[in-house]
Amino acid sequence: MRGNHFAKIAENLESIAELLAEAENGIEDWPSHYDKVRSIKGLGLSTYSKFIYFMGAQVEGFGALILDMRVINAINTGHY
């Protein structure tokens, strides 16, 4: 969590808790679920993927993965 992301996340704990409660039952439509995540300033894919991974959530039938910046960059550039 670089910069002031922690403060921004702390301001939105209720919204994040709601999203994680939704994820606990399995995420069937990742794009629409992640659109809600994206609306929370300071909460990026790296952090959110850690949350859902450690809670054992399923994403479209698969176990969640941690997507840190190295993985995200590799996917975006195709160098993997």
PDB file of N, CA and C in Angstrom:
ATOM      1  N   MET A   1       0.831  -1.172   0.000  1.00  0.00           N
ATOM      2  CA  MET A   1       0.000   0.000   0.000  1.00  0.00           C
ATOM      3  C   MET A   1       0.877   1.237   0.000  1.00  0.00           C
ATOM      4  N   ARG A   2       1.104   1.729  -1.166  1.00  0.00           N
ATOM      5  CA  ARG A   2       1.972   2.895  -1.325  1.00  0.00           C
ATOM      6  C   ARG A   2       1.216   4.185  -1.028  1.00  0.00           C
ATOM      7  N   GLY A   3       1.958   5.214  -0.677  1.00  0.00           N
ATOM      8  CA  GLY A   3       1.378   6.544  -0.486  1.00  0.00           C
ATOM      9  C   GLY A   3       0.342   6.556   0.621  1.00  0.00           C
ATOM     10  N   ASN A   4      -0.783   7.186   0.320  1.00  0.00           N
ATOM     11  CA  ASN A   4      -1.831   7.299   1.324  1.00  0.00           C
ATOM     12  C   ASN A   4      -2.962   6.306   1.082  1.00  0.00           C
ATOM     13  N   HIS A   5      -2.668   5.192   0.430  1.00  0.00           N
ATOM     14  CA  HIS A   5      -3.686   4.189   0.143  1.00  0.00           C
ATOM     15  C   HIS A   5      -4.313   3.636   1.418  1.00  0.00           C
ATOM     16  N   PHE A   6      -3.511   3.444   2.463  1.00  0.00           N
ATOM     17  CA  PHE A   6      -4.057   2.893   3.701  1.00  0.00           C
ATOM     18  C   PHE A   6      -5.161   3.789   4.249  1.00  0.00           C
ATOM     19  N   ALA A   7      -4.933   5.092   4.256  1.00  0.00           N
ATOM     20  CA  ALA A   7      -5.949   6.024   4.763  1.00  0.00           C
ATOM     21  C   ALA A   7      -7.219   5.949   3.919  1.00  0.00           C
ATOM     22  N   LYS A   8      -7.066   5.860   2.605  1.00  0.00           N
ATOM     23  CA  LYS A   8      -8.227   5.770   1.727  1.00  0.00           C
ATOM     24  C   LYS A   8      -8.988   4.472   1.954  1.00  0.00           C
ATOM     25  N   ILE A   9      -8.261   3.384   2.150  1.00  0.00           N
ATOM     26  CA  ILE A   9      -8.899   2.100   2.409  1.00  0.00           C
ATOM     27  C   ILE A   9      -9.624   2.147   3.753  1.00  0.00           C
ATOM     28  N   ALA A  10      -8.981   2.718   4.753  1.00  0.00           N
ATOM     29  CA  ALA A  10      -9.596   2.806   6.081  1.00  0.00           C
ATOM     30  C   ALA A  10     -10.907   3.588   6.038  1.00  0.00           C
ATOM     31  N   GLU A  11     -10.991   4.579   5.180  1.00  0.00           N
ATOM     32  CA  GLU A  11     -12.212   5.368   5.042  1.00  0.00           C
ATOM     33  C   GLU A  11     -13.353   4.573   4.413  1.00  0.00           C
ATOM     34  N   ASN A  12     -13.025   3.478   3.748  1.00  0.00           N
ATOM     35  CA  ASN A  12     -14.019   2.694   3.013  1.00  0.00           C
ATOM     36  C   ASN A  12     -14.173   1.272   3.540  1.00  0.00           C
ATOM     37  N   LEU A  13     -13.870   1.056   4.809  1.00  0.00           N
ATOM     38  CA  LEU A  13     -13.908  -0.301   5.351  1.00  0.00           C
ATOM     39  C   LEU A  13     -15.285  -0.952   5.233  1.00  0.00           C
ATOM     40  N   GLU A  14     -16.333  -0.185   5.417  1.00  0.00           N
ATOM     41  CA  GLU A  14     -17.680  -0.754   5.331  1.00  0.00           C
ATOM     42  C   GLU A  14     -17.970  -1.280   3.919  1.00  0.00           C
ATOM     43  N   SER A  15     -17.610  -0.505   2.918  1.00  0.00           N
ATOM     44  CA  SER A  15     -17.817  -0.936   1.526  1.00  0.00           C
ATOM     45  C   SER A  15     -16.966  -2.156   1.199  1.00  0.00           C
ATOM     46  N   ILE A  16     -15.736  -2.170   1.683  1.00  0.00           N
ATOM     47  CA  ILE A  16     -14.840  -3.299   1.433  1.00  0.00           C
ATOM     48  C   ILE A  16     -15.383  -4.551   2.122  1.00  0.00           C
ATOM     49  N   ALA A  17     -15.868  -4.403   3.348  1.00  0.00           N
ATOM     50  CA  ALA A  17     -16.445  -5.543   4.075  1.00  0.00           C
ATOM     51  C   ALA A  17     -17.639  -6.117   3.317  1.00  0.00           C
ATOM     52  N   GLU A  18     -18.456  -5.258   2.723  1.00  0.00           N
ATOM     53  CA  GLU A  18     -19.602  -5.724   1.935  1.00  0.00           C
ATOM     54  C   GLU A  18     -19.144  -6.511   0.708  1.00  0.00           C
ATOM     55  N   LEU A  19     -18.117  -6.015   0.035  1.00  0.00           N
ATOM     56  CA  LEU A  19     -17.591  -6.724  -1.136  1.00  0.00           C
ATOM     57  C   LEU A  19     -16.995  -8.073  -0.750  1.00  0.00           C
ATOM     58  N   LEU A  20     -16.294  -8.110   0.376  1.00  0.00           N
ATOM     59  CA  LEU A  20     -15.694  -9.368   0.819  1.00  0.00           C
ATOM     60  C   LEU A  20     -16.766 -10.361   1.264  1.00  0.00           C
ATOM     61  N   ALA A  21     -17.848  -9.871   1.848  1.00  0.00           N
ATOM     62  CA  ALA A  21     -18.957 -10.755   2.215  1.00  0.00           C
ATOM     63  C   ALA A  21     -19.580 -11.358   0.958  1.00  0.00           C
ATOM     64  N   GLU A  22     -19.687 -10.549  -0.074  1.00  0.00           N
ATOM     65  CA  GLU A  22     -20.183 -11.032  -1.366  1.00  0.00           C
ATOM     66  C   GLU A  22     -19.222 -12.070  -1.947  1.00  0.00           C
ATOM     67  N   ALA A  23     -17.930 -11.793  -1.858  1.00  0.00           N
ATOM     68  CA  ALA A  23     -16.908 -12.702  -2.404  1.00  0.00           C
ATOM     69  C   ALA A  23     -16.852 -14.020  -1.648  1.00  0.00           C
ATOM     70  N   GLU A  24     -17.203 -13.992  -0.378  1.00  0.00           N
ATOM     71  CA  GLU A  24     -17.153 -15.198   0.451  1.00  0.00           C
ATOM     72  C   GLU A  24     -18.041 -16.303  -0.120  1.00  0.00           C
ATOM     73  N   ASN A  25     -19.113 -15.919  -0.787  1.00  0.00           N
ATOM     74  CA  ASN A  25     -20.036 -16.889  -1.387  1.00  0.00           C
ATOM     75  C   ASN A  25     -19.615 -17.294  -2.791  1.00  0.00           C
ATOM     76  N   GLY A  26     -18.494 -16.781  -3.248  1.00  0.00           N
ATOM     77  CA  GLY A  26     -18.007 -17.060  -4.597  1.00  0.00           C
ATOM     78  C   GLY A  26     -18.382 -15.930  -5.532  1.00  0.00           C
ATOM     79  N   ILE A  27     -17.456 -15.556  -6.376  1.00  0.00           N
ATOM     80  CA  ILE A  27     -17.671 -14.470  -7.344  1.00  0.00           C
ATOM     81  C   ILE A  27     -17.942 -15.123  -8.689  1.00  0.00           C
ATOM     82  N   GLU A  28     -19.179 -15.021  -9.146  1.00  0.00           N
ATOM     83  CA  GLU A  28     -19.554 -15.643 -10.420  1.00  0.00           C
ATOM     84  C   GLU A  28     -19.274 -14.734 -11.614  1.00  0.00           C
ATOM     85  N   ASP A  29     -19.335 -13.441 -11.409  1.00  0.00           N
ATOM     86  CA  ASP A  29     -19.118 -12.479 -12.499  1.00  0.00           C
ATOM     87  C   ASP A  29     -18.007 -11.513 -12.069  1.00  0.00           C
ATOM     88  N   TRP A  30     -16.758 -11.903 -12.348  1.00  0.00           N
ATOM     89  CA  TRP A  30     -15.619 -11.109 -11.913  1.00  0.00           C
ATOM     90  C   TRP A  30     -15.645  -9.674 -12.445  1.00  0.00           C
ATOM     91  N   PRO A  31     -15.905  -9.441 -13.745  1.00  0.00           N
ATOM     92  CA  PRO A  31     -15.869  -8.056 -14.230  1.00  0.00           C
ATOM     93  C   PRO A  31     -16.819  -7.119 -13.472  1.00  0.00           C
ATOM     94  N   SER A  32     -18.037  -7.547 -13.212  1.00  0.00           N
ATOM     95  CA  SER A  32     -18.958  -6.659 -12.505  1.00  0.00           C
ATOM     96  C   SER A  32     -18.568  -6.515 -11.037  1.00  0.00           C
ATOM     97  N   HIS A  33     -18.056  -7.580 -10.422  1.00  0.00           N
ATOM     98  CA  HIS A  33     -17.600  -7.493  -9.035  1.00  0.00           C
ATOM     99  C   HIS A  33     -16.412  -6.538  -8.936  1.00  0.00           C
ATOM    100  N   TYR A  34     -15.465  -6.686  -9.837  1.00  0.00           N
ATOM    101  CA  TYR A  34     -14.272  -5.842  -9.765  1.00  0.00           C
ATOM    102  C   TYR A  34     -14.575  -4.385 -10.110  1.00  0.00           C
ATOM    103  N   ASP A  35     -15.619  -4.120 -10.890  1.00  0.00           N
ATOM    104  CA  ASP A  35     -16.026  -2.734 -11.130  1.00  0.00           C
ATOM    105  C   ASP A  35     -16.364  -2.044  -9.809  1.00  0.00           C
ATOM    106  N   LYS A  36     -16.998  -2.785  -8.901  1.00  0.00           N
ATOM    107  CA  LYS A  36     -17.318  -2.231  -7.582  1.00  0.00           C
ATOM    108  C   LYS A  36     -16.044  -1.977  -6.780  1.00  0.00           C
ATOM    109  N   VAL A  37     -15.085  -2.883  -6.883  1.00  0.00           N
ATOM    110  CA  VAL A  37     -13.805  -2.728  -6.181  1.00  0.00           C
ATOM    111  C   VAL A  37     -13.075  -1.501  -6.707  1.00  0.00           C
ATOM    112  N   ARG A  38     -13.066  -1.356  -8.015  1.00  0.00           N
ATOM    113  CA  ARG A  38     -12.356  -0.249  -8.656  1.00  0.00           C
ATOM    114  C   ARG A  38     -12.856   1.116  -8.216  1.00  0.00           C
ATOM    115  N   SER A  39     -14.111   1.175  -7.793  1.00  0.00           N
ATOM    116  CA  SER A  39     -14.681   2.463  -7.383  1.00  0.00           C
ATOM    117  C   SER A  39     -14.143   2.934  -6.029  1.00  0.00           C
ATOM    118  N   ILE A  40     -13.442   2.055  -5.323  1.00  0.00           N
ATOM    119  CA  ILE A  40     -12.883   2.414  -4.016  1.00  0.00           C
ATOM    120  C   ILE A  40     -11.458   2.910  -4.223  1.00  0.00           C
ATOM    121  N   LYS A  41     -11.258   4.192  -4.015  1.00  0.00           N
ATOM    122  CA  LYS A  41      -9.938   4.789  -4.205  1.00  0.00           C
ATOM    123  C   LYS A  41      -8.934   4.167  -3.223  1.00  0.00           C
ATOM    124  N   GLY A  42      -7.765   3.822  -3.734  1.00  0.00           N
ATOM    125  CA  GLY A  42      -6.707   3.265  -2.908  1.00  0.00           C
ATOM    126  C   GLY A  42      -6.707   1.751  -2.835  1.00  0.00           C
ATOM    127  N   LEU A  43      -7.791   1.112  -3.293  1.00  0.00           N
ATOM    128  CA  LEU A  43      -7.871  -0.350  -3.255  1.00  0.00           C
ATOM    129  C   LEU A  43      -7.651  -0.875  -4.661  1.00  0.00           C
ATOM    130  N   GLY A  44      -6.464  -1.409  -4.887  1.00  0.00           N
ATOM    131  CA  GLY A  44      -6.123  -1.921  -6.205  1.00  0.00           C
ATOM    132  C   GLY A  44      -6.219  -3.428  -6.269  1.00  0.00           C
ATOM    133  N   LEU A  45      -5.955  -3.947  -7.440  1.00  0.00           N
ATOM    134  CA  LEU A  45      -6.034  -5.382  -7.671  1.00  0.00           C
ATOM    135  C   LEU A  45      -5.061  -6.154  -6.791  1.00  0.00           C
ATOM    136  N   SER A  46      -3.860  -5.641  -6.588  1.00  0.00           N
ATOM    137  CA  SER A  46      -2.871  -6.342  -5.762  1.00  0.00           C
ATOM    138  C   SER A  46      -3.392  -6.564  -4.350  1.00  0.00           C
ATOM    139  N   THR A  47      -3.937  -5.533  -3.745  1.00  0.00           N
ATOM    140  CA  THR A  47      -4.428  -5.639  -2.374  1.00  0.00           C
ATOM    141  C   THR A  47      -5.696  -6.480  -2.309  1.00  0.00           C
ATOM    142  N   TYR A  48      -6.638  -6.221  -3.204  1.00  0.00           N
ATOM    143  CA  TYR A  48      -7.907  -6.949  -3.162  1.00  0.00           C
ATOM    144  C   TYR A  48      -7.705  -8.436  -3.435  1.00  0.00           C
ATOM    145  N   SER A  49      -6.821  -8.764  -4.364  1.00  0.00           N
ATOM    146  CA  SER A  49      -6.587 -10.182  -4.656  1.00  0.00           C
ATOM    147  C   SER A  49      -5.990 -10.896  -3.440  1.00  0.00           C
ATOM    148  N   LYS A  50      -5.210 -10.200  -2.636  1.00  0.00           N
ATOM    149  CA  LYS A  50      -4.693 -10.794  -1.398  1.00  0.00           C
ATOM    150  C   LYS A  50      -5.837 -11.070  -0.423  1.00  0.00           C
ATOM    151  N   PHE A  51      -6.737 -10.115  -0.275  1.00  0.00           N
ATOM    152  CA  PHE A  51      -7.885 -10.305   0.614  1.00  0.00           C
ATOM    153  C   PHE A  51      -8.669 -11.556   0.232  1.00  0.00           C
ATOM    154  N   ILE A  52      -9.047 -11.668  -1.042  1.00  0.00           N
ATOM    155  CA  ILE A  52      -9.897 -12.786  -1.436  1.00  0.00           C
ATOM    156  C   ILE A  52      -9.128 -14.116  -1.463  1.00  0.00           C
ATOM    157  N   TYR A  53      -7.826 -14.051  -1.724  1.00  0.00           N
ATOM    158  CA  TYR A  53      -7.018 -15.272  -1.678  1.00  0.00           C
ATOM    159  C   TYR A  53      -6.984 -15.852  -0.267  1.00  0.00           C
ATOM    160  N   PHE A  54      -6.678 -15.000   0.711  1.00  0.00           N
ATOM    161  CA  PHE A  54      -6.521 -15.491   2.074  1.00  0.00           C
ATOM    162  C   PHE A  54      -7.846 -15.852   2.726  1.00  0.00           C
ATOM    163  N   MET A  55      -8.960 -15.395   2.179  1.00  0.00           N
ATOM    164  CA  MET A  55     -10.244 -15.837   2.706  1.00  0.00           C
ATOM    165  C   MET A  55     -10.744 -17.082   1.974  1.00  0.00           C
ATOM    166  N   GLY A  56      -9.983 -17.536   0.992  1.00  0.00           N
ATOM    167  CA  GLY A  56     -10.320 -18.772   0.281  1.00  0.00           C
ATOM    168  C   GLY A  56     -11.461 -18.628  -0.709  1.00  0.00           C
ATOM    169  N   ALA A  57     -11.657 -17.442  -1.237  1.00  0.00           N
ATOM    170  CA  ALA A  57     -12.767 -17.186  -2.167  1.00  0.00           C
ATOM    171  C   ALA A  57     -12.538 -17.871  -3.510  1.00  0.00           C
ATOM    172  N   GLN A  58     -13.624 -18.165  -4.168  1.00  0.00           N
ATOM    173  CA  GLN A  58     -13.611 -18.708  -5.520  1.00  0.00           C
ATOM    174  C   GLN A  58     -14.003 -17.589  -6.486  1.00  0.00           C
ATOM    175  N   VAL A  59     -13.313 -17.531  -7.619  1.00  0.00           N
ATOM    176  CA  VAL A  59     -13.628 -16.550  -8.668  1.00  0.00           C
ATOM    177  C   VAL A  59     -13.975 -17.330  -9.923  1.00  0.00           C
ATOM    178  N   GLU A  60     -15.248 -17.257 -10.284  1.00  0.00           N
ATOM    179  CA  GLU A  60     -15.760 -17.980 -11.444  1.00  0.00           C
ATOM    180  C   GLU A  60     -15.360 -19.451 -11.393  1.00  0.00           C
ATOM    181  N   GLY A  61     -15.446 -20.028 -10.185  1.00  0.00           N
ATOM    182  CA  GLY A  61     -15.188 -21.454 -10.001  1.00  0.00           C
ATOM    183  C   GLY A  61     -13.748 -21.834  -9.712  1.00  0.00           C
ATOM    184  N   PHE A  62     -12.842 -20.883  -9.715  1.00  0.00           N
ATOM    185  CA  PHE A  62     -11.428 -21.139  -9.466  1.00  0.00           C
ATOM    186  C   PHE A  62     -10.994 -20.452  -8.178  1.00  0.00           C
ATOM    187  N   GLY A  63      -9.991 -21.022  -7.511  1.00  0.00           N
ATOM    188  CA  GLY A  63      -9.429 -20.375  -6.337  1.00  0.00           C
ATOM    189  C   GLY A  63      -8.781 -19.054  -6.705  1.00  0.00           C
ATOM    190  N   ALA A  64      -8.970 -18.069  -5.852  1.00  0.00           N
ATOM    191  CA  ALA A  64      -8.395 -16.742  -6.110  1.00  0.00           C
ATOM    192  C   ALA A  64      -6.871 -16.815  -6.101  1.00  0.00           C
ATOM    193  N   LEU A  65      -6.246 -15.957  -6.883  1.00  0.00           N
ATOM    194  CA  LEU A  65      -4.791 -15.845  -6.940  1.00  0.00           C
ATOM    195  C   LEU A  65      -4.372 -14.456  -6.475  1.00  0.00           C
ATOM    196  N   ILE A  66      -3.163 -14.352  -5.968  1.00  0.00           N
ATOM    197  CA  ILE A  66      -2.612 -13.050  -5.608  1.00  0.00           C
ATOM    198  C   ILE A  66      -1.967 -12.458  -6.848  1.00  0.00           C
ATOM    199  N   LEU A  67      -2.448 -11.306  -7.252  1.00  0.00           N
ATOM    200  CA  LEU A  67      -1.929 -10.645  -8.444  1.00  0.00           C
ATOM    201  C   LEU A  67      -1.170  -9.396  -8.027  1.00  0.00           C
ATOM    202  N   ASP A  68       0.136  -9.550  -7.818  1.00  0.00           N
ATOM    203  CA  ASP A  68       0.936  -8.384  -7.450  1.00  0.00           C
ATOM    204  C   ASP A  68       1.414  -7.674  -8.710  1.00  0.00           C
ATOM    205  N   MET A  69       2.099  -6.582  -8.531  1.00  0.00           N
ATOM    206  CA  MET A  69       2.502  -5.759  -9.681  1.00  0.00           C
ATOM    207  C   MET A  69       3.379  -6.504 -10.675  1.00  0.00           C
ATOM    208  N   ARG A  70       4.226  -7.388 -10.219  1.00  0.00           N
ATOM    209  CA  ARG A  70       5.068  -8.141 -11.165  1.00  0.00           C
ATOM    210  C   ARG A  70       4.215  -9.032 -12.049  1.00  0.00           C
ATOM    211  N   VAL A  71       3.241  -9.708 -11.464  1.00  0.00           N
ATOM    212  CA  VAL A  71       2.363 -10.580 -12.243  1.00  0.00           C
ATOM    213  C   VAL A  71       1.507  -9.747 -13.182  1.00  0.00           C
ATOM    214  N   ILE A  72       0.946  -8.658 -12.673  1.00  0.00           N
ATOM    215  CA  ILE A  72       0.108  -7.790 -13.494  1.00  0.00           C
ATOM    216  C   ILE A  72       0.904  -7.244 -14.677  1.00  0.00           C
ATOM    217  N   ASN A  73       2.122  -6.782 -14.434  1.00  0.00           N
ATOM    218  CA  ASN A  73       2.958  -6.266 -15.524  1.00  0.00           C
ATOM    219  C   ASN A  73       3.289  -7.345 -16.537  1.00  0.00           C
ATOM    220  N   ALA A  74       3.579  -8.551 -16.078  1.00  0.00           N
ATOM    221  CA  ALA A  74       3.887  -9.648 -16.987  1.00  0.00           C
ATOM    222  C   ALA A  74       2.680  -9.964 -17.867  1.00  0.00           C
ATOM    223  N   ILE A  75       1.501  -9.989 -17.278  1.00  0.00           N
ATOM    224  CA  ILE A  75       0.285 -10.272 -18.055  1.00  0.00           C
ATOM    225  C   ILE A  75       0.037  -9.145 -19.063  1.00  0.00           C
ATOM    226  N   ASN A  76       0.162  -7.912 -18.620  1.00  0.00           N
ATOM    227  CA  ASN A  76      -0.101  -6.784 -19.507  1.00  0.00           C
ATOM    228  C   ASN A  76       0.890  -6.674 -20.654  1.00  0.00           C
ATOM    229  N   THR A  77       2.133  -7.057 -20.430  1.00  0.00           N
ATOM    230  CA  THR A  77       3.143  -6.947 -21.490  1.00  0.00           C
ATOM    231  C   THR A  77       3.288  -8.240 -22.279  1.00  0.00           C
ATOM    232  N   GLY A  78       2.751  -9.332 -21.768  1.00  0.00           N
ATOM    233  CA  GLY A  78       2.862 -10.615 -22.463  1.00  0.00           C
ATOM    234  C   GLY A  78       4.219 -11.285 -22.263  1.00  0.00           C
ATOM    235  N   HIS A  79       5.044 -10.800 -21.331  1.00  0.00           N
ATOM    236  CA  HIS A  79       6.355 -11.406 -21.080  1.00  0.00           C
ATOM    237  C   HIS A  79       6.272 -12.402 -19.937  1.00  0.00           C
ATOM    238  N   TYR A  80       5.808 -13.577 -20.256  1.00  0.00           N
ATOM    239  CA  TYR A  80       5.728 -14.649 -19.250  1.00  0.00           C
ATOM    240  C   TYR A  80       5.928 -15.979 -19.896  1.00  0.00           C
TER     241      TYR A  80
END
